[in-house]
Amino acid sequence: MKFLAITLIVHAPDPVTGARTSTTDRFREVIDNALLAEELGFDGFGVGERHERPFISSSPPVVLSHLAALTTRLRLFTAVTTLSLLDPVRAYEDYATLDHLSGGRLELIIGKGNGAAQRGLFHVTPDDQWDRNAESYELFRRIWRQDKVTADPRFRPALQDAEVWPRPLQQPIRVWHGSATSKESVDLAARYGDPLFSANVTNPIEPYAELVHYYRERWAHYGHDPTLATVGAGTAGYYAERNSQDAIAAYRPVFDGHLAFQKRLGMEPVFPTLEDFVERSSALIGSPQQVIEKVHRYHEQFGHSVLHLHADAGGLTDAQHRASLELFQSDIAPVLRRDIPDPPWPWAPVLAEPSSPPPTVPSPGADGPAPAAV
């Protein structure tokens, strides 16, 4: 199993203290959390895309390009790229550039996005958002794979033998489809043989499991090898301590702060108590063994091989946040890596040809066999 840390770059008051950082400091937190993720051994780091309050994640290519310059190992994810709102040609140019700058470490999770404010900003309607998402992805996919593209799309100007540069480093970049509530994105992923990433955050497991099962059904319907169907899944929260009672006590102020925020917005909480949240949501709160057991319960329904945790402290202190992530990597991740398979592909850039000649391997000598080429 592989592990991502993901941020949507929420810019809101701390749910516990009520303090609100400046925009500059909030971006600094994102950078620090990405560096922490790489230091601790996470496999990837994701940045969301939103175009409305309380998010400041309107430009993930810029943020991820900066992170690409500061990291060396993390795969860099979008979470999600809202293709229903974007010109796929312009999005391609941004992400092909980022793919080169990152050394082929980019992966996209695409989706239609959500929120009435951002739909209004881009003149997208509830009636056409799914058609826009599918059309943008199909054109985006063609541009990745073809040197020249002729197309007459519905939602952007026609292309005639269009060349779009630069060509990507990866051939092609891997694209996941983000899934939260609808079968449209699930079917699109299955049709093209792409991996699925379940949001798995807001509700209990049942609606998400239903969509994952539908994905596997449609995958088979389109004639793909069932062993290659790949699922990732999110979590509603994470905090672990050696003792489960200590973990619950430390997380309670965070939950209470989020609950109060929902009530101020007039929202009916799905999980009205912390105990209900821990029991019925995807949140991983408790001792390492409790976290491991819960991931296994979800894996029985999803069969997922990638899991994301929240990159942000989100009401925890910096010390609590770091200690909890360190505990994840020392006591939880090794067990899950052993028990749950990785995705059915190398966790590495998908390059058409080596970017440089492979190192020369010396002949075996008196000191033993030659080392393998890297």
Protein backbone atom coordinates (compact mmCIF):
# COMPACT_ATOMS: atom_id res chain seq x y z
CA MET A 1 0.00 0.00 0.00
CA LYS A 2 1.14 3.54 -0.79
CA PHE A 3 0.43 6.64 1.29
CA LEU A 4 -0.25 10.25 0.29
CA ALA A 5 -0.57 13.42 2.32
CA ILE A 6 -3.12 15.78 0.75
CA THR A 7 -4.16 19.38 1.36
CA LEU A 8 -7.04 21.39 -0.06
CA ILE A 9 -5.36 24.54 1.36
CA VAL A 10 -8.31 25.58 3.48
CA HIS A 11 -7.77 29.15 4.72
CA ALA A 12 -10.05 29.45 7.72
CA PRO A 13 -9.71 30.10 11.45
CA ASP A 14 -8.12 27.30 13.45
CA PRO A 15 -11.02 25.15 14.70
CA VAL A 16 -9.59 25.10 18.23
CA THR A 17 -7.92 28.48 18.80
CA GLY A 18 -9.89 30.60 16.32
CA ALA A 19 -6.65 32.16 15.05
CA ARG A 20 -6.25 32.72 11.33
CA THR A 21 -2.89 32.92 9.61
CA SER A 22 -2.05 35.25 6.73
CA THR A 23 -2.29 33.94 3.19
CA THR A 24 1.50 33.91 2.94
CA ASP A 25 1.85 31.93 6.16
CA ARG A 26 -0.82 29.47 5.04
CA PHE A 27 1.15 28.71 1.88
CA ARG A 28 4.28 28.38 4.03
CA GLU A 29 2.44 25.72 6.05
CA VAL A 30 1.72 23.79 2.85
CA ILE A 31 5.41 23.87 1.93
CA ASP A 32 6.47 22.77 5.41
CA ASN A 33 3.95 19.92 5.38
CA ALA A 34 5.21 18.68 2.01
CA LEU A 35 8.79 18.70 3.28
CA LEU A 36 7.65 16.85 6.39
CA ALA A 37 5.86 14.26 4.25
CA GLU A 38 9.03 13.63 2.27
CA GLU A 39 11.16 13.49 5.42
CA LEU A 40 8.86 10.94 7.06
CA GLY A 41 8.62 8.65 4.04
CA PHE A 42 5.23 9.34 2.49
CA ASP A 43 4.96 8.24 -1.13
CA GLY A 44 3.17 11.29 -2.48
CA PHE A 45 1.82 14.76 -1.73
CA GLY A 46 -1.39 16.16 -3.20
CA VAL A 47 -2.76 19.68 -3.63
CA GLY A 48 -6.44 20.26 -4.30
CA GLU A 49 -8.08 22.76 -6.62
CA ARG A 50 -10.92 25.00 -5.48
CA HIS A 51 -12.07 28.38 -6.71
CA GLU A 52 -14.15 29.61 -3.77
CA ARG A 53 -13.96 30.33 -0.07
CA PRO A 54 -12.52 29.13 2.28
CA PHE A 55 -9.91 27.64 -0.09
CA ILE A 56 -6.84 29.28 -1.62
CA SER A 57 -5.95 26.31 -3.81
CA SER A 58 -6.92 27.94 -7.11
CA SER A 59 -3.52 27.32 -8.73
CA PRO A 60 -2.19 23.83 -8.01
CA PRO A 61 0.32 23.85 -10.92
CA VAL A 62 2.09 26.81 -9.31
CA VAL A 63 2.12 25.26 -5.83
CA LEU A 64 3.24 21.86 -7.09
CA SER A 65 5.97 23.41 -9.26
CA HIS A 66 7.38 25.08 -6.15
CA LEU A 67 7.19 21.80 -4.25
CA ALA A 68 8.89 20.01 -7.15
CA ALA A 69 11.90 22.27 -6.68
CA LEU A 70 12.07 21.54 -2.95
CA THR A 71 11.56 17.77 -2.98
CA THR A 72 13.25 14.89 -4.73
CA ARG A 73 11.23 11.73 -4.09
CA LEU A 74 7.54 12.48 -3.51
CA ARG A 75 5.15 11.88 -6.36
CA LEU A 76 3.10 15.05 -6.80
CA PHE A 77 -0.68 14.73 -7.12
CA THR A 78 -3.53 17.07 -7.96
CA ALA A 79 -6.54 16.46 -5.75
CA VAL A 80 -8.45 17.14 -7.87
CA THR A 81 -7.83 18.98 -11.14
CA THR A 82 -11.26 20.42 -11.93
CA LEU A 83 -11.31 19.76 -15.66
CA SER A 84 -14.99 20.69 -15.92
CA LEU A 85 -13.93 24.31 -15.24
CA LEU A 86 -10.74 24.46 -17.29
CA ASP A 87 -9.66 24.75 -20.90
CA PRO A 88 -8.03 21.33 -21.42
CA VAL A 89 -5.43 22.80 -23.78
CA ARG A 90 -4.25 25.34 -21.21
CA ALA A 91 -4.37 22.75 -18.43
CA TYR A 92 -2.27 20.41 -20.55
CA GLU A 93 0.39 23.10 -21.07
CA ASP A 94 0.63 23.77 -17.34
CA TYR A 95 0.85 20.14 -16.35
CA ALA A 96 3.20 19.05 -19.13
CA THR A 97 5.56 21.80 -17.98
CA LEU A 98 5.21 20.70 -14.36
CA ASP A 99 5.88 17.10 -15.36
CA HIS A 100 9.29 18.11 -16.72
CA LEU A 101 10.11 20.35 -13.77
CA SER A 102 9.35 17.52 -11.35
CA GLY A 103 11.37 14.91 -13.24
CA GLY A 104 8.26 12.94 -14.14
CA ARG A 105 6.81 12.81 -10.62
CA LEU A 106 3.38 14.21 -11.53
CA GLU A 107 0.10 12.32 -11.29
CA LEU A 108 -3.31 13.86 -11.88
CA ILE A 109 -6.53 13.15 -10.06
CA ILE A 110 -9.26 14.80 -12.12
CA GLY A 111 -12.87 15.59 -11.30
CA LYS A 112 -15.71 17.93 -12.06
CA GLY A 113 -15.19 19.88 -8.82
CA ASN A 114 -18.03 21.16 -6.71
CA GLY A 115 -19.49 24.33 -5.29
CA ALA A 116 -21.93 26.81 -6.78
CA ALA A 117 -19.57 29.78 -6.46
CA GLN A 118 -16.84 28.28 -8.61
CA ARG A 119 -19.37 27.03 -11.17
CA GLY A 120 -20.66 30.59 -11.48
CA LEU A 121 -17.13 31.95 -11.79
CA PHE A 122 -16.52 29.77 -14.85
CA HIS A 123 -20.09 29.80 -16.23
CA VAL A 124 -20.54 26.07 -15.69
CA THR A 125 -24.00 24.78 -14.83
CA PRO A 126 -25.20 21.69 -12.93
CA ASP A 127 -26.66 20.47 -16.22
CA ASP A 128 -23.46 20.61 -18.26
CA GLN A 129 -20.73 20.00 -15.66
CA TRP A 130 -20.49 16.26 -16.27
CA ASP A 131 -20.39 16.70 -20.06
CA ARG A 132 -17.68 19.32 -19.65
CA ASN A 133 -15.65 17.03 -17.42
CA ALA A 134 -15.83 14.12 -19.87
CA GLU A 135 -15.12 16.26 -22.94
CA SER A 136 -12.19 18.02 -21.30
CA TYR A 137 -10.68 14.74 -20.17
CA GLU A 138 -11.06 13.09 -23.57
CA LEU A 139 -9.41 16.05 -25.31
CA PHE A 140 -6.75 16.27 -22.61
CA ARG A 141 -6.02 12.57 -23.08
CA ARG A 142 -5.65 12.95 -26.85
CA ILE A 143 -3.25 15.87 -26.49
CA TRP A 144 -1.03 13.82 -24.18
CA ARG A 145 -0.82 11.03 -26.75
CA GLN A 146 -0.91 12.72 -30.17
CA ASP A 147 1.51 15.16 -31.77
CA LYS A 148 -1.31 16.88 -33.66
CA VAL A 149 -4.96 17.02 -32.68
CA THR A 150 -8.04 17.83 -34.74
CA ALA A 151 -11.23 18.13 -32.72
CA ASP A 152 -14.51 20.03 -32.68
CA PRO A 153 -15.45 20.08 -28.99
CA ARG A 154 -18.66 21.55 -27.67
CA PHE A 155 -17.22 23.68 -24.86
CA ARG A 156 -14.09 25.23 -26.39
CA PRO A 157 -12.98 26.38 -29.87
CA ALA A 158 -12.19 23.73 -32.46
CA LEU A 159 -8.66 22.45 -33.03
CA GLN A 160 -7.22 21.78 -36.49
CA ASP A 161 -3.92 19.89 -36.61
CA ALA A 162 -3.09 21.65 -33.38
CA GLU A 163 0.34 21.14 -31.81
CA VAL A 164 0.48 21.74 -28.07
CA TRP A 165 3.85 22.15 -26.37
CA PRO A 166 5.79 21.02 -24.47
CA ARG A 167 5.33 17.31 -24.92
CA PRO A 168 5.16 15.65 -21.49
CA LEU A 169 8.13 13.87 -19.96
CA GLN A 170 5.98 10.90 -18.93
CA GLN A 171 4.43 8.87 -21.75
CA PRO A 172 1.75 9.33 -20.68
CA ILE A 173 1.09 10.87 -17.30
CA ARG A 174 -1.11 8.69 -15.07
CA VAL A 175 -4.61 10.08 -14.55
CA TRP A 176 -6.85 9.05 -11.67
CA HIS A 177 -10.55 9.93 -11.54
CA GLY A 178 -11.82 11.46 -8.33
CA SER A 179 -15.15 10.02 -7.22
CA ALA A 180 -17.44 11.33 -4.48
CA THR A 181 -21.12 11.05 -5.32
CA SER A 182 -21.80 10.19 -8.94
CA LYS A 183 -21.46 7.26 -11.30
CA GLU A 184 -20.43 9.49 -14.22
CA SER A 185 -16.81 9.87 -13.08
CA VAL A 186 -16.69 6.20 -12.11
CA ASP A 187 -17.82 5.09 -15.56
CA LEU A 188 -15.35 7.46 -17.24
CA ALA A 189 -12.48 5.94 -15.26
CA ALA A 190 -13.56 2.38 -16.06
CA ARG A 191 -14.10 3.14 -19.76
CA TYR A 192 -10.53 4.34 -20.25
CA GLY A 193 -8.92 1.82 -17.91
CA ASP A 194 -7.84 4.48 -15.42
CA PRO A 195 -7.51 4.23 -11.63
CA LEU A 196 -10.23 5.57 -9.33
CA PHE A 197 -9.76 7.69 -6.20
CA SER A 198 -12.70 7.63 -3.79
CA ALA A 199 -13.17 10.80 -1.74
CA ASN A 200 -14.43 8.70 1.18
CA VAL A 201 -14.62 11.68 3.53
CA THR A 202 -18.10 13.09 4.13
CA ASN A 203 -20.31 10.02 4.61
CA PRO A 204 -20.19 6.51 6.07
CA ILE A 205 -18.66 3.79 3.92
CA GLU A 206 -21.78 2.55 2.11
CA PRO A 207 -22.17 5.09 -0.74
CA TYR A 208 -18.46 5.05 -1.48
CA ALA A 209 -18.32 1.25 -1.47
CA GLU A 210 -21.26 1.20 -3.88
CA LEU A 211 -19.36 3.41 -6.32
CA VAL A 212 -16.19 1.34 -6.02
CA HIS A 213 -18.15 -1.85 -6.72
CA TYR A 214 -19.75 -0.13 -9.72
CA TYR A 215 -16.28 0.85 -10.96
CA ARG A 216 -15.16 -2.77 -10.90
CA GLU A 217 -18.33 -3.86 -12.69
CA ARG A 218 -17.88 -1.26 -15.44
CA TRP A 219 -14.16 -2.08 -15.65
CA ALA A 220 -15.07 -5.68 -16.51
CA HIS A 221 -17.84 -4.49 -18.85
CA TYR A 222 -15.28 -2.54 -20.90
CA GLY A 223 -13.09 -5.62 -21.19
CA HIS A 224 -10.17 -4.65 -18.95
CA ASP A 225 -8.09 -7.10 -16.92
CA PRO A 226 -9.77 -7.24 -13.47
CA THR A 227 -6.41 -7.51 -11.73
CA LEU A 228 -5.45 -4.05 -13.00
CA ALA A 229 -8.45 -2.17 -11.57
CA THR A 230 -6.92 0.22 -9.03
CA VAL A 231 -8.55 2.22 -6.24
CA GLY A 232 -7.31 4.89 -3.86
CA ALA A 233 -9.28 6.23 -0.91
CA GLY A 234 -9.30 9.25 1.35
CA THR A 235 -9.79 9.58 5.08
CA ALA A 236 -11.92 12.02 7.06
CA GLY A 237 -9.17 12.62 9.60
CA TYR A 238 -6.18 11.04 11.28
CA TYR A 239 -4.69 11.17 14.74
CA ALA A 240 -2.97 8.36 16.61
CA GLU A 241 -1.30 7.96 19.97
CA ARG A 242 0.01 4.87 21.70
CA ASN A 243 -3.08 4.83 23.90
CA SER A 244 -6.50 5.16 22.23
CA GLN A 245 -7.94 7.15 25.15
CA ASP A 246 -5.18 9.74 24.76
CA ALA A 247 -5.85 9.98 21.02
CA ILE A 248 -9.58 10.55 21.57
CA ALA A 249 -8.98 13.15 24.26
CA ALA A 250 -6.49 15.08 22.12
CA TYR A 251 -8.73 15.03 19.04
CA ARG A 252 -11.96 16.03 20.83
CA PRO A 253 -11.31 19.81 20.70
CA VAL A 254 -10.62 19.51 16.96
CA PHE A 255 -13.87 17.67 16.34
CA ASP A 256 -15.84 20.09 18.52
CA GLY A 257 -14.41 23.03 16.60
CA HIS A 258 -15.40 21.55 13.23
CA LEU A 259 -18.86 20.67 14.57
CA ALA A 260 -19.40 24.25 15.78
CA PHE A 261 -18.34 25.56 12.36
CA GLN A 262 -20.87 23.31 10.61
CA LYS A 263 -23.63 24.48 12.93
CA ARG A 264 -22.76 28.14 12.25
CA LEU A 265 -23.23 27.42 8.56
CA GLY A 266 -26.59 25.79 9.24
CA MET A 267 -25.34 22.37 8.18
CA GLU A 268 -26.71 19.20 9.70
CA PRO A 269 -23.70 17.14 10.80
CA VAL A 270 -23.47 13.61 9.41
CA PHE A 271 -21.64 12.49 12.55
CA PRO A 272 -23.06 14.37 15.57
CA THR A 273 -20.56 13.10 18.16
CA LEU A 274 -16.87 12.29 18.18
CA GLU A 275 -17.64 8.70 19.11
CA ASP A 276 -19.94 8.39 16.09
CA PHE A 277 -17.31 10.03 13.89
CA VAL A 278 -14.65 7.56 15.01
CA GLU A 279 -16.99 4.58 14.59
CA ARG A 280 -18.81 5.30 11.31
CA SER A 281 -16.62 7.68 9.31
CA SER A 282 -13.35 6.93 7.56
CA ALA A 283 -11.44 8.88 10.22
CA LEU A 284 -8.46 7.01 11.66
CA ILE A 285 -8.35 8.06 15.30
CA GLY A 286 -7.03 5.86 18.07
CA SER A 287 -4.11 3.56 18.75
CA PRO A 288 -1.92 2.19 15.94
CA GLN A 289 -3.66 -1.18 16.13
CA GLN A 290 -7.10 0.43 15.88
CA VAL A 291 -6.00 2.41 12.82
CA ILE A 292 -4.61 -0.72 11.17
CA GLU A 293 -7.80 -2.67 11.83
CA LYS A 294 -9.99 0.11 10.42
CA VAL A 295 -7.95 0.41 7.23
CA HIS A 296 -8.34 -3.34 6.79
CA ARG A 297 -12.14 -3.06 7.24
CA TYR A 298 -12.30 -0.44 4.52
CA HIS A 299 -9.97 -2.46 2.32
CA GLU A 300 -12.42 -5.37 2.48
CA GLN A 301 -14.96 -3.11 0.74
CA PHE A 302 -12.72 -1.04 -1.52
CA GLY A 303 -9.73 -3.24 -2.29
CA HIS A 304 -7.74 0.01 -2.33
CA SER A 305 -3.97 0.15 -2.62
CA VAL A 306 -3.42 3.88 -2.01
CA LEU A 307 -4.55 5.82 1.08
CA HIS A 308 -4.42 9.52 1.77
CA LEU A 309 -4.11 11.32 5.08
CA HIS A 310 -4.63 15.02 5.68
CA ALA A 311 -1.38 16.93 5.31
CA ASP A 312 -2.54 19.79 7.55
CA ALA A 313 -2.57 19.93 11.34
CA GLY A 314 -6.20 21.13 11.13
CA GLY A 315 -6.53 22.13 14.78
CA LEU A 316 -3.83 19.91 16.21
CA THR A 317 -0.67 21.55 17.47
CA ASP A 318 2.39 21.26 15.27
CA ALA A 319 3.94 18.92 17.83
CA GLN A 320 0.85 16.68 17.92
CA HIS A 321 0.65 16.65 14.12
CA ARG A 322 4.27 15.68 13.65
CA ALA A 323 4.26 13.06 16.42
CA SER A 324 1.13 11.46 15.01
CA LEU A 325 2.57 11.26 11.48
CA GLU A 326 5.81 9.85 12.87
CA LEU A 327 3.79 7.19 14.68
CA PHE A 328 1.98 6.41 11.45
CA GLN A 329 5.24 5.80 9.64
CA SER A 330 6.88 3.83 12.45
CA ASP A 331 4.01 1.60 13.62
CA ILE A 332 1.16 1.71 11.10
CA ALA A 333 2.51 2.11 7.57
CA PRO A 334 4.94 -0.85 7.75
CA VAL A 335 2.11 -3.23 8.69
CA LEU A 336 -0.22 -1.94 5.98
CA ARG A 337 2.57 -2.01 3.38
CA ARG A 338 3.15 -5.65 4.28
CA ASP A 339 -0.52 -6.67 4.37
CA ILE A 340 -2.00 -4.73 1.43
CA PRO A 341 -0.53 -4.84 -2.11
CA ASP A 342 0.75 -1.79 -3.96
CA PRO A 343 -0.90 -0.59 -7.17
CA PRO A 344 -0.14 -2.92 -10.12
CA TRP A 345 2.51 -0.66 -11.63
CA PRO A 346 5.91 0.75 -10.62
CA TRP A 347 5.67 3.79 -8.36
CA ALA A 348 7.96 5.76 -10.63
CA PRO A 349 7.93 8.06 -13.67
CA VAL A 350 6.36 6.54 -16.78
CA LEU A 351 9.08 7.42 -19.27
CA ALA A 352 9.15 6.50 -22.94
CA GLU A 353 12.92 6.14 -22.81
CA PRO A 354 15.61 6.73 -20.18
CA SER A 355 16.38 10.39 -19.63
CA SER A 356 20.08 9.48 -19.39
CA PRO A 357 22.13 6.37 -20.20
CA PRO A 358 21.99 3.67 -17.53
CA PRO A 359 25.06 3.43 -15.32
CA THR A 360 27.77 1.02 -16.36
CA VAL A 361 27.79 -2.15 -14.27
CA PRO A 362 31.31 -3.43 -13.57
CA SER A 363 32.15 -7.08 -14.01
CA PRO A 364 32.13 -9.31 -10.95
CA GLY A 365 35.44 -9.24 -9.17
CA ALA A 366 37.19 -10.75 -6.25
CA ASP A 367 35.01 -8.86 -3.79
CA GLY A 368 31.79 -10.52 -4.97
CA PRO A 369 29.05 -9.95 -7.53
CA ALA A 370 28.61 -6.64 -9.24
CA PRO A 371 25.87 -4.34 -7.91
CA ALA A 372 22.66 -4.21 -9.91
CA ALA A 373 21.98 -1.23 -12.12
CA VAL A 374 19.62 1.26 -10.57
